[in-house]
Amino acid sequence: MLKIRCHDCDQAFIWVDDMPPRGKCPNPDCEGTYDVHQALKENLDARTSSAADSLLCPACGGVIPSRWGLCPHCGKFTAGPRSFRKRDIFLAVALFLLILSLLVRLAL
C-alpha cells in the first residue's frame, strides 16, 4: 500500500498491490494518470532530504556532518544542541586540570 497524490486534481488515494503500477486517477472527474514508481521516488527523495537537513549547526545554521565536532562554516565546536568557541573549551579543560592537580596534591 502506498499513498499517492494525483498531480492534476491534487486528491490523494491509496494504491494497493492489485492495482496497475501506472493507471488513470481513481477520481471520476479527473483525467490525470498516476505512476507508482515516480510517486515512490518522490516520497523517498522528500524523506532523505529532510533527514540530511536535520544536522544544522546551532550557532550559524550551516550543514554539519556530525552533532559532535567542529563546524566547517563558523569553526565552533558543536556538542548536541549547543555550540562552544574553541577558546571556551580550552579554558574549561585547563580549569579542570588545575582543580584535578590541586586535589591530587592535597590527597598526598
PDB file of N, CA and C in Angstrom:
ATOM      1  N   MET A   1       0.843  -1.174   0.000  1.00  0.00           N
ATOM      2  CA  MET A   1       0.000   0.000   0.000  1.00  0.00           C
ATOM      3  C   MET A   1       0.891   1.241   0.000  1.00  0.00           C
ATOM      4  N   LEU A   2       0.483   2.209  -0.766  1.00  0.00           N
ATOM      5  CA  LEU A   2       1.222   3.456  -0.909  1.00  0.00           C
ATOM      6  C   LEU A   2       0.225   4.580  -1.127  1.00  0.00           C
ATOM      7  N   LYS A   3       0.416   5.665  -0.416  1.00  0.00           N
ATOM      8  CA  LYS A   3      -0.462   6.819  -0.595  1.00  0.00           C
ATOM      9  C   LYS A   3       0.090   7.662  -1.745  1.00  0.00           C
ATOM     10  N   ILE A   4      -0.730   7.888  -2.746  1.00  0.00           N
ATOM     11  CA  ILE A   4      -0.335   8.638  -3.939  1.00  0.00           C
ATOM     12  C   ILE A   4      -1.240   9.855  -4.065  1.00  0.00           C
ATOM     13  N   ARG A   5      -0.634  10.985  -4.422  1.00  0.00           N
ATOM     14  CA  ARG A   5      -1.392  12.215  -4.652  1.00  0.00           C
ATOM     15  C   ARG A   5      -1.352  12.505  -6.150  1.00  0.00           C
ATOM     16  N   CYS A   6      -2.540  12.651  -6.740  1.00  0.00           N
ATOM     17  CA  CYS A   6      -2.652  12.954  -8.165  1.00  0.00           C
ATOM     18  C   CYS A   6      -2.170  14.387  -8.396  1.00  0.00           C
ATOM     19  N   HIS A   7      -1.312  14.576  -9.384  1.00  0.00           N
ATOM     20  CA  HIS A   7      -0.784  15.912  -9.678  1.00  0.00           C
ATOM     21  C   HIS A   7      -1.813  16.814 -10.366  1.00  0.00           C
ATOM     22  N   ASP A   8      -2.802  16.206 -11.015  1.00  0.00           N
ATOM     23  CA  ASP A   8      -3.802  17.004 -11.735  1.00  0.00           C
ATOM     24  C   ASP A   8      -4.915  17.512 -10.813  1.00  0.00           C
ATOM     25  N   CYS A   9      -5.521  16.609 -10.037  1.00  0.00           N
ATOM     26  CA  CYS A   9      -6.655  17.021  -9.191  1.00  0.00           C
ATOM     27  C   CYS A   9      -6.254  17.239  -7.738  1.00  0.00           C
ATOM     28  N   ASP A  10      -5.014  16.916  -7.376  1.00  0.00           N
ATOM     29  CA  ASP A  10      -4.471  17.101  -6.026  1.00  0.00           C
ATOM     30  C   ASP A  10      -5.259  16.307  -4.988  1.00  0.00           C
ATOM     31  N   GLN A  11      -5.813  15.176  -5.390  1.00  0.00           N
ATOM     32  CA  GLN A  11      -6.541  14.313  -4.470  1.00  0.00           C
ATOM     33  C   GLN A  11      -5.687  13.082  -4.192  1.00  0.00           C
ATOM     34  N   ALA A  12      -5.636  12.657  -2.913  1.00  0.00           N
ATOM     35  CA  ALA A  12      -4.828  11.510  -2.530  1.00  0.00           C
ATOM     36  C   ALA A  12      -5.679  10.247  -2.528  1.00  0.00           C
ATOM     37  N   PHE A  13      -5.033   9.125  -2.849  1.00  0.00           N
ATOM     38  CA  PHE A  13      -5.688   7.824  -2.794  1.00  0.00           C
ATOM     39  C   PHE A  13      -4.653   6.779  -2.414  1.00  0.00           C
ATOM     40  N   ILE A  14      -5.118   5.644  -1.967  1.00  0.00           N
ATOM     41  CA  ILE A  14      -4.241   4.550  -1.562  1.00  0.00           C
ATOM     42  C   ILE A  14      -4.099   3.570  -2.715  1.00  0.00           C
ATOM     43  N   TRP A  15      -2.858   3.308  -3.109  1.00  0.00           N
ATOM     44  CA  TRP A  15      -2.576   2.321  -4.149  1.00  0.00           C
ATOM     45  C   TRP A  15      -2.319   0.991  -3.449  1.00  0.00           C
ATOM     46  N   VAL A  16      -2.967  -0.054  -3.894  1.00  0.00           N
ATOM     47  CA  VAL A  16      -2.764  -1.400  -3.347  1.00  0.00           C
ATOM     48  C   VAL A  16      -2.114  -2.269  -4.419  1.00  0.00           C
ATOM     49  N   ASP A  17      -1.659  -3.439  -4.009  1.00  0.00           N
ATOM     50  CA  ASP A  17      -0.875  -4.293  -4.901  1.00  0.00           C
ATOM     51  C   ASP A  17      -1.647  -4.822  -6.100  1.00  0.00           C
ATOM     52  N   ASP A  18      -2.950  -4.926  -6.011  1.00  0.00           N
ATOM     53  CA  ASP A  18      -3.693  -5.468  -7.152  1.00  0.00           C
ATOM     54  C   ASP A  18      -4.007  -4.401  -8.205  1.00  0.00           C
ATOM     55  N   MET A  19      -3.651  -3.139  -7.964  1.00  0.00           N
ATOM     56  CA  MET A  19      -3.836  -2.069  -8.956  1.00  0.00           C
ATOM     57  C   MET A  19      -2.621  -2.036  -9.882  1.00  0.00           C
ATOM     58  N   PRO A  20      -2.771  -1.563 -11.101  1.00  0.00           N
ATOM     59  CA  PRO A  20      -1.613  -1.486 -12.003  1.00  0.00           C
ATOM     60  C   PRO A  20      -0.631  -0.402 -11.539  1.00  0.00           C
ATOM     61  N   PRO A  21       0.665  -0.574 -11.843  1.00  0.00           N
ATOM     62  CA  PRO A  21       1.656   0.429 -11.428  1.00  0.00           C
ATOM     63  C   PRO A  21       1.464   1.789 -12.104  1.00  0.00           C
ATOM     64  N   ARG A  22       0.904   1.773 -13.296  1.00  0.00           N
ATOM     65  CA  ARG A  22       0.575   3.025 -13.985  1.00  0.00           C
ATOM     66  C   ARG A  22      -0.883   2.941 -14.397  1.00  0.00           C
ATOM     67  N   GLY A  23      -1.602   4.017 -14.141  1.00  0.00           N
ATOM     68  CA  GLY A  23      -3.008   3.962 -14.499  1.00  0.00           C
ATOM     69  C   GLY A  23      -3.685   5.305 -14.379  1.00  0.00           C
ATOM     70  N   LYS A  24      -4.993   5.299 -14.554  1.00  0.00           N
ATOM     71  CA  LYS A  24      -5.799   6.506 -14.502  1.00  0.00           C
ATOM     72  C   LYS A  24      -6.143   6.815 -13.055  1.00  0.00           C
ATOM     73  N   CYS A  25      -6.236   8.078 -12.733  1.00  0.00           N
ATOM     74  CA  CYS A  25      -6.608   8.535 -11.393  1.00  0.00           C
ATOM     75  C   CYS A  25      -7.994   7.991 -11.049  1.00  0.00           C
ATOM     76  N   PRO A  26      -8.191   7.466  -9.816  1.00  0.00           N
ATOM     77  CA  PRO A  26      -9.493   6.900  -9.458  1.00  0.00           C
ATOM     78  C   PRO A  26     -10.599   7.947  -9.298  1.00  0.00           C
ATOM     79  N   ASN A  27     -10.265   9.206  -9.291  1.00  0.00           N
ATOM     80  CA  ASN A  27     -11.272  10.263  -9.220  1.00  0.00           C
ATOM     81  C   ASN A  27     -11.998  10.319 -10.569  1.00  0.00           C
ATOM     82  N   PRO A  28     -13.323  10.163 -10.606  1.00  0.00           N
ATOM     83  CA  PRO A  28     -14.027  10.134 -11.891  1.00  0.00           C
ATOM     84  C   PRO A  28     -14.012  11.472 -12.635  1.00  0.00           C
ATOM     85  N   ASP A  29     -13.804  12.574 -11.932  1.00  0.00           N
ATOM     86  CA  ASP A  29     -13.780  13.885 -12.580  1.00  0.00           C
ATOM     87  C   ASP A  29     -12.396  14.251 -13.119  1.00  0.00           C
ATOM     88  N   CYS A  30     -11.404  13.437 -12.837  1.00  0.00           N
ATOM     89  CA  CYS A  30     -10.022  13.753 -13.226  1.00  0.00           C
ATOM     90  C   CYS A  30      -9.604  12.898 -14.416  1.00  0.00           C
ATOM     91  N   GLU A  31      -8.849  13.480 -15.315  1.00  0.00           N
ATOM     92  CA  GLU A  31      -8.324  12.766 -16.483  1.00  0.00           C
ATOM     93  C   GLU A  31      -6.837  12.452 -16.323  1.00  0.00           C
ATOM     94  N   GLY A  32      -6.283  12.707 -15.133  1.00  0.00           N
ATOM     95  CA  GLY A  32      -4.854  12.505 -14.906  1.00  0.00           C
ATOM     96  C   GLY A  32      -4.491  11.046 -14.730  1.00  0.00           C
ATOM     97  N   THR A  33      -3.192  10.783 -14.771  1.00  0.00           N
ATOM     98  CA  THR A  33      -2.678   9.435 -14.578  1.00  0.00           C
ATOM     99  C   THR A  33      -1.712   9.443 -13.391  1.00  0.00           C
ATOM    100  N   TYR A  34      -1.458   8.254 -12.875  1.00  0.00           N
ATOM    101  CA  TYR A  34      -0.503   8.129 -11.778  1.00  0.00           C
ATOM    102  C   TYR A  34       0.576   7.137 -12.173  1.00  0.00           C
ATOM    103  N   ASP A  35       1.707   7.250 -11.513  1.00  0.00           N
ATOM    104  CA  ASP A  35       2.822   6.337 -11.722  1.00  0.00           C
ATOM    105  C   ASP A  35       3.375   5.991 -10.337  1.00  0.00           C
ATOM    106  N   VAL A  36       3.279   4.733  -9.957  1.00  0.00           N
ATOM    107  CA  VAL A  36       3.696   4.303  -8.625  1.00  0.00           C
ATOM    108  C   VAL A  36       5.193   4.482  -8.439  1.00  0.00           C
ATOM    109  N   HIS A  37       5.978   4.180  -9.450  1.00  0.00           N
ATOM    110  CA  HIS A  37       7.427   4.291  -9.344  1.00  0.00           C
ATOM    111  C   HIS A  37       7.850   5.748  -9.124  1.00  0.00           C
ATOM    112  N   GLN A  38       7.240   6.669  -9.838  1.00  0.00           N
ATOM    113  CA  GLN A  38       7.545   8.088  -9.683  1.00  0.00           C
ATOM    114  C   GLN A  38       7.106   8.586  -8.300  1.00  0.00           C
ATOM    115  N   ALA A  39       5.930   8.141  -7.835  1.00  0.00           N
ATOM    116  CA  ALA A  39       5.436   8.554  -6.515  1.00  0.00           C
ATOM    117  C   ALA A  39       6.339   8.029  -5.406  1.00  0.00           C
ATOM    118  N   LEU A  40       6.820   6.807  -5.548  1.00  0.00           N
ATOM    119  CA  LEU A  40       7.725   6.237  -4.557  1.00  0.00           C
ATOM    120  C   LEU A  40       9.050   6.994  -4.535  1.00  0.00           C
ATOM    121  N   LYS A  41       9.557   7.347  -5.719  1.00  0.00           N
ATOM    122  CA  LYS A  41      10.803   8.102  -5.795  1.00  0.00           C
ATOM    123  C   LYS A  41      10.640   9.483  -5.153  1.00  0.00           C
ATOM    124  N   GLU A  42       9.525  10.163  -5.407  1.00  0.00           N
ATOM    125  CA  GLU A  42       9.279  11.470  -4.799  1.00  0.00           C
ATOM    126  C   GLU A  42       9.175  11.357  -3.287  1.00  0.00           C
ATOM    127  N   ASN A  43       8.535  10.297  -2.804  1.00  0.00           N
ATOM    128  CA  ASN A  43       8.388  10.079  -1.377  1.00  0.00           C
ATOM    129  C   ASN A  43       9.748   9.858  -0.717  1.00  0.00           C
ATOM    130  N   LEU A  44      10.600   9.028  -1.340  1.00  0.00           N
ATOM    131  CA  LEU A  44      11.927   8.772  -0.789  1.00  0.00           C
ATOM    132  C   LEU A  44      12.805  10.009  -0.841  1.00  0.00           C
ATOM    133  N   ASP A  45      12.743  10.773  -1.921  1.00  0.00           N
ATOM    134  CA  ASP A  45      13.532  11.998  -2.033  1.00  0.00           C
ATOM    135  C   ASP A  45      13.139  13.004  -0.956  1.00  0.00           C
ATOM    136  N   ALA A  46      11.862  13.114  -0.673  1.00  0.00           N
ATOM    137  CA  ALA A  46      11.404  14.049   0.357  1.00  0.00           C
ATOM    138  C   ALA A  46      11.894  13.617   1.732  1.00  0.00           C
ATOM    139  N   ARG A  47      11.892  12.330   1.995  1.00  0.00           N
ATOM    140  CA  ARG A  47      12.324  11.841   3.308  1.00  0.00           C
ATOM    141  C   ARG A  47      13.827  11.944   3.480  1.00  0.00           C
ATOM    142  N   THR A  48      14.619  11.631   2.472  1.00  0.00           N
ATOM    143  CA  THR A  48      16.072  11.687   2.616  1.00  0.00           C
ATOM    144  C   THR A  48      16.578  13.113   2.664  1.00  0.00           C
ATOM    145  N   SER A  49      15.960  14.029   1.954  1.00  0.00           N
ATOM    146  CA  SER A  49      16.424  15.416   2.015  1.00  0.00           C
ATOM    147  C   SER A  49      16.104  16.028   3.364  1.00  0.00           C
ATOM    148  N   SER A  50      14.985  15.665   3.979  1.00  0.00           N
ATOM    149  CA  SER A  50      14.671  16.210   5.300  1.00  0.00           C
ATOM    150  C   SER A  50      15.603  15.628   6.351  1.00  0.00           C
ATOM    151  N   ALA A  51      16.040  14.392   6.194  1.00  0.00           N
ATOM    152  CA  ALA A  51      16.964  13.805   7.143  1.00  0.00           C
ATOM    153  C   ALA A  51      18.339  14.432   7.023  1.00  0.00           C
ATOM    154  N   ALA A  52      18.777  14.729   5.829  1.00  0.00           N
ATOM    155  CA  ALA A  52      20.081  15.353   5.652  1.00  0.00           C
ATOM    156  C   ALA A  52      20.094  16.787   6.164  1.00  0.00           C
ATOM    157  N   ASP A  53      18.993  17.490   6.053  1.00  0.00           N
ATOM    158  CA  ASP A  53      18.946  18.868   6.508  1.00  0.00           C
ATOM    159  C   ASP A  53      18.795  18.990   8.013  1.00  0.00           C
ATOM    160  N   SER A  54      18.568  17.901   8.714  1.00  0.00           N
ATOM    161  CA  SER A  54      18.329  17.994  10.142  1.00  0.00           C
ATOM    162  C   SER A  54      19.604  18.254  10.929  1.00  0.00           C
ATOM    163  N   LEU A  55      20.775  17.994  10.380  1.00  0.00           N
ATOM    164  CA  LEU A  55      22.026  18.253  11.081  1.00  0.00           C
ATOM    165  C   LEU A  55      22.531  19.646  10.741  1.00  0.00           C
ATOM    166  N   LEU A  56      22.087  20.628  11.521  1.00  0.00           N
ATOM    167  CA  LEU A  56      22.485  22.011  11.313  1.00  0.00           C
ATOM    168  C   LEU A  56      23.241  22.510  12.528  1.00  0.00           C
ATOM    169  N   CYS A  57      24.201  23.368  12.298  1.00  0.00           N
ATOM    170  CA  CYS A  57      24.975  23.973  13.386  1.00  0.00           C
ATOM    171  C   CYS A  57      24.062  24.882  14.202  1.00  0.00           C
ATOM    172  N   PRO A  58      24.067  24.756  15.533  1.00  0.00           N
ATOM    173  CA  PRO A  58      23.208  25.617  16.337  1.00  0.00           C
ATOM    174  C   PRO A  58      23.647  27.075  16.333  1.00  0.00           C
ATOM    175  N   ALA A  59      24.894  27.349  15.994  1.00  0.00           N
ATOM    176  CA  ALA A  59      25.391  28.729  16.011  1.00  0.00           C
ATOM    177  C   ALA A  59      25.121  29.461  14.700  1.00  0.00           C
ATOM    178  N   CYS A  60      25.521  28.848  13.577  1.00  0.00           N
ATOM    179  CA  CYS A  60      25.417  29.555  12.293  1.00  0.00           C
ATOM    180  C   CYS A  60      24.329  28.999  11.380  1.00  0.00           C
ATOM    181  N   GLY A  61      23.830  27.795  11.650  1.00  0.00           N
ATOM    182  CA  GLY A  61      22.784  27.200  10.819  1.00  0.00           C
ATOM    183  C   GLY A  61      23.310  26.472   9.599  1.00  0.00           C
ATOM    184  N   GLY A  62      24.617  26.330   9.465  1.00  0.00           N
ATOM    185  CA  GLY A  62      25.192  25.608   8.334  1.00  0.00           C
ATOM    186  C   GLY A  62      25.075  24.104   8.523  1.00  0.00           C
ATOM    187  N   VAL A  63      25.164  23.375   7.431  1.00  0.00           N
ATOM    188  CA  VAL A  63      25.065  21.913   7.483  1.00  0.00           C
ATOM    189  C   VAL A  63      26.362  21.358   8.056  1.00  0.00           C
ATOM    190  N   ILE A  64      26.248  20.464   9.058  1.00  0.00           N
ATOM    191  CA  ILE A  64      27.414  19.850   9.687  1.00  0.00           C
ATOM    192  C   ILE A  64      27.332  18.334   9.516  1.00  0.00           C
ATOM    193  N   PRO A  65      28.490  17.652   9.455  1.00  0.00           N
ATOM    194  CA  PRO A  65      28.468  16.210   9.246  1.00  0.00           C
ATOM    195  C   PRO A  65      28.072  15.415  10.487  1.00  0.00           C
ATOM    196  N   SER A  66      28.299  15.971  11.684  1.00  0.00           N
ATOM    197  CA  SER A  66      28.016  15.248  12.915  1.00  0.00           C
ATOM    198  C   SER A  66      27.637  16.240  14.006  1.00  0.00           C
ATOM    199  N   ARG A  67      26.883  15.788  14.993  1.00  0.00           N
ATOM    200  CA  ARG A  67      26.489  16.658  16.107  1.00  0.00           C
ATOM    201  C   ARG A  67      27.649  16.940  17.050  1.00  0.00           C
ATOM    202  N   TRP A  68      28.691  16.126  17.030  1.00  0.00           N
ATOM    203  CA  TRP A  68      29.845  16.320  17.896  1.00  0.00           C
ATOM    204  C   TRP A  68      31.069  16.578  17.020  1.00  0.00           C
ATOM    205  N   GLY A  69      31.571  17.796  17.049  1.00  0.00           N
ATOM    206  CA  GLY A  69      32.754  18.134  16.268  1.00  0.00           C
ATOM    207  C   GLY A  69      32.770  19.607  15.916  1.00  0.00           C
ATOM    208  N   LEU A  70      33.690  19.967  15.039  1.00  0.00           N
ATOM    209  CA  LEU A  70      33.840  21.360  14.620  1.00  0.00           C
ATOM    210  C   LEU A  70      32.955  21.654  13.421  1.00  0.00           C
ATOM    211  N   CYS A  71      32.334  22.807  13.449  1.00  0.00           N
ATOM    212  CA  CYS A  71      31.533  23.252  12.310  1.00  0.00           C
ATOM    213  C   CYS A  71      32.483  23.796  11.244  1.00  0.00           C
ATOM    214  N   PRO A  72      32.376  23.333   9.994  1.00  0.00           N
ATOM    215  CA  PRO A  72      33.279  23.836   8.958  1.00  0.00           C
ATOM    216  C   PRO A  72      32.968  25.273   8.540  1.00  0.00           C
ATOM    217  N   HIS A  73      31.814  25.795   8.908  1.00  0.00           N
ATOM    218  CA  HIS A  73      31.425  27.138   8.487  1.00  0.00           C
ATOM    219  C   HIS A  73      31.878  28.210   9.474  1.00  0.00           C
ATOM    220  N   CYS A  74      31.581  28.012  10.764  1.00  0.00           N
ATOM    221  CA  CYS A  74      31.905  29.053  11.751  1.00  0.00           C
ATOM    222  C   CYS A  74      33.080  28.674  12.645  1.00  0.00           C
ATOM    223  N   GLY A  75      33.507  27.415  12.646  1.00  0.00           N
ATOM    224  CA  GLY A  75      34.652  26.990  13.437  1.00  0.00           C
ATOM    225  C   GLY A  75      34.345  26.722  14.900  1.00  0.00           C
ATOM    226  N   LYS A  76      33.067  26.752  15.290  1.00  0.00           N
ATOM    227  CA  LYS A  76      32.706  26.481  16.676  1.00  0.00           C
ATOM    228  C   LYS A  76      32.547  24.979  16.876  1.00  0.00           C
ATOM    229  N   PHE A  77      32.776  24.543  18.126  1.00  0.00           N
ATOM    230  CA  PHE A  77      32.616  23.145  18.479  1.00  0.00           C
ATOM    231  C   PHE A  77      31.157  22.891  18.809  1.00  0.00           C
ATOM    232  N   THR A  78      30.534  21.923  18.151  1.00  0.00           N
ATOM    233  CA  THR A  78      29.136  21.606  18.414  1.00  0.00           C
ATOM    234  C   THR A  78      29.076  20.359  19.279  1.00  0.00           C
ATOM    235  N   ALA A  79      28.264  20.433  20.310  1.00  0.00           N
ATOM    236  CA  ALA A  79      28.055  19.306  21.214  1.00  0.00           C
ATOM    237  C   ALA A  79      26.560  19.160  21.398  1.00  0.00           C
ATOM    238  N   GLY A  80      25.944  18.367  20.537  1.00  0.00           N
ATOM    239  CA  GLY A  80      24.497  18.214  20.585  1.00  0.00           C
ATOM    240  C   GLY A  80      23.816  19.493  20.144  1.00  0.00           C
ATOM    241  N   PRO A  81      22.894  20.024  20.961  1.00  0.00           N
ATOM    242  CA  PRO A  81      22.181  21.247  20.568  1.00  0.00           C
ATOM    243  C   PRO A  81      22.927  22.530  20.933  1.00  0.00           C
ATOM    244  N   ARG A  82      24.145  22.424  21.462  1.00  0.00           N
ATOM    245  CA  ARG A  82      24.902  23.604  21.883  1.00  0.00           C
ATOM    246  C   ARG A  82      26.159  23.762  21.046  1.00  0.00           C
ATOM    247  N   SER A  83      26.678  24.985  21.034  1.00  0.00           N
ATOM    248  CA  SER A  83      27.946  25.241  20.361  1.00  0.00           C
ATOM    249  C   SER A  83      28.828  26.067  21.281  1.00  0.00           C
ATOM    250  N   PHE A  84      30.121  25.816  21.188  1.00  0.00           N
ATOM    251  CA  PHE A  84      31.100  26.485  22.035  1.00  0.00           C
ATOM    252  C   PHE A  84      32.255  26.971  21.185  1.00  0.00           C
ATOM    253  N   ARG A  85      32.863  28.063  21.629  1.00  0.00           N
ATOM    254  CA  ARG A  85      34.078  28.517  20.956  1.00  0.00           C
ATOM    255  C   ARG A  85      35.234  27.636  21.401  1.00  0.00           C
ATOM    256  N   LYS A  86      36.261  27.532  20.571  1.00  0.00           N
ATOM    257  CA  LYS A  86      37.427  26.712  20.904  1.00  0.00           C
ATOM    258  C   LYS A  86      38.097  27.230  22.168  1.00  0.00           C
ATOM    259  N   ARG A  87      38.122  28.546  22.336  1.00  0.00           N
ATOM    260  CA  ARG A  87      38.766  29.150  23.498  1.00  0.00           C
ATOM    261  C   ARG A  87      38.042  28.740  24.782  1.00  0.00           C
ATOM    262  N   ASP A  88      36.726  28.680  24.753  1.00  0.00           N
ATOM    263  CA  ASP A  88      35.962  28.289  25.939  1.00  0.00           C
ATOM    264  C   ASP A  88      36.251  26.847  26.336  1.00  0.00           C
ATOM    265  N   ILE A  89      36.383  25.975  25.368  1.00  0.00           N
ATOM    266  CA  ILE A  89      36.692  24.574  25.659  1.00  0.00           C
ATOM    267  C   ILE A  89      38.102  24.463  26.233  1.00  0.00           C
ATOM    268  N   PHE A  90      39.044  25.205  25.671  1.00  0.00           N
ATOM    269  CA  PHE A  90      40.416  25.188  26.180  1.00  0.00           C
ATOM    270  C   PHE A  90      40.455  25.673  27.627  1.00  0.00           C
ATOM    271  N   LEU A  91      39.737  26.747  27.946  1.00  0.00           N
ATOM    272  CA  LEU A  91      39.710  27.262  29.314  1.00  0.00           C
ATOM    273  C   LEU A  91      39.049  26.276  30.271  1.00  0.00           C
ATOM    274  N   ALA A  92      37.996  25.602  29.840  1.00  0.00           N
ATOM    275  CA  ALA A  92      37.329  24.620  30.696  1.00  0.00           C
ATOM    276  C   ALA A  92      38.242  23.436  30.990  1.00  0.00           C
ATOM    277  N   VAL A  93      38.966  22.963  29.990  1.00  0.00           N
ATOM    278  CA  VAL A  93      39.889  21.843  30.192  1.00  0.00           C
ATOM    279  C   VAL A  93      41.036  22.272  31.095  1.00  0.00           C
ATOM    280  N   ALA A  94      41.569  23.479  30.898  1.00  0.00           N
ATOM    281  CA  ALA A  94      42.652  23.971  31.743  1.00  0.00           C
ATOM    282  C   ALA A  94      42.191  24.104  33.194  1.00  0.00           C
ATOM    283  N   LEU A  95      41.006  24.626  33.416  1.00  0.00           N
ATOM    284  CA  LEU A  95      40.461  24.763  34.761  1.00  0.00           C
ATOM    285  C   LEU A  95      40.238  23.393  35.400  1.00  0.00           C
ATOM    286  N   PHE A  96      39.731  22.434  34.640  1.00  0.00           N
ATOM    287  CA  PHE A  96      39.519  21.077  35.151  1.00  0.00           C
ATOM    288  C   PHE A  96      40.854  20.447  35.564  1.00  0.00           C
ATOM    289  N   LEU A  97      41.888  20.598  34.730  1.00  0.00           N
ATOM    290  CA  LEU A  97      43.192  20.023  35.063  1.00  0.00           C
ATOM    291  C   LEU A  97      43.807  20.703  36.277  1.00  0.00           C
ATOM    292  N   LEU A  98      43.604  22.000  36.430  1.00  0.00           N
ATOM    293  CA  LEU A  98      44.119  22.727  37.586  1.00  0.00           C
ATOM    294  C   LEU A  98      43.455  22.228  38.868  1.00  0.00           C
ATOM    295  N   ILE A  99      42.154  22.080  38.857  1.00  0.00           N
ATOM    296  CA  ILE A  99      41.435  21.576  40.028  1.00  0.00           C
ATOM    297  C   ILE A  99      41.832  20.137  40.327  1.00  0.00           C
ATOM    298  N   LEU A 100      41.983  19.322  39.305  1.00  0.00           N
ATOM    299  CA  LEU A 100      42.400  17.938  39.486  1.00  0.00           C
ATOM    300  C   LEU A 100      43.796  17.866  40.096  1.00  0.00           C
ATOM    301  N   SER A 101      44.713  18.696  39.646  1.00  0.00           N
ATOM    302  CA  SER A 101      46.068  18.694  40.202  1.00  0.00           C
ATOM    303  C   SER A 101      46.067  19.163  41.657  1.00  0.00           C
ATOM    304  N   LEU A 102      45.216  20.135  42.004  1.00  0.00           N
ATOM    305  CA  LEU A 102      45.106  20.570  43.405  1.00  0.00           C
ATOM    306  C   LEU A 102      44.556  19.459  44.291  1.00  0.00           C
ATOM    307  N   LEU A 103      43.554  18.719  43.807  1.00  0.00           N
ATOM    308  CA  LEU A 103      43.008  17.612  44.578  1.00  0.00           C
ATOM    309  C   LEU A 103      44.020  16.496  44.784  1.00  0.00           C
ATOM    310  N   VAL A 104      44.796  16.188  43.771  1.00  0.00           N
ATOM    311  CA  VAL A 104      45.828  15.155  43.893  1.00  0.00           C
ATOM    312  C   VAL A 104      46.892  15.616  44.862  1.00  0.00           C
ATOM    313  N   ARG A 105      47.265  16.873  44.822  1.00  0.00           N
ATOM    314  CA  ARG A 105      48.308  17.414  45.718  1.00  0.00           C
ATOM    315  C   ARG A 105      47.835  17.384  47.170  1.00  0.00           C
ATOM    316  N   LEU A 106      46.568  17.711  47.414  1.00  0.00           N
ATOM    317  CA  LEU A 106      46.023  17.694  48.766  1.00  0.00           C
ATOM    318  C   LEU A 106      45.867  16.263  49.291  1.00  0.00           C
ATOM    319  N   ALA A 107      45.610  15.319  48.394  1.00  0.00           N
ATOM    320  CA  ALA A 107      45.441  13.919  48.807  1.00  0.00           C
ATOM    321  C   ALA A 107      46.770  13.296  49.206  1.00  0.00           C
ATOM    322  N   LEU A 108      47.879  13.771  48.690  1.00  0.00           N
ATOM    323  CA  LEU A 108      49.183  13.192  49.026  1.00  0.00           C
ATOM    324  C   LEU A 108      49.714  13.853  50.212  1.00  0.00           C
TER     325      LEU A 108
END
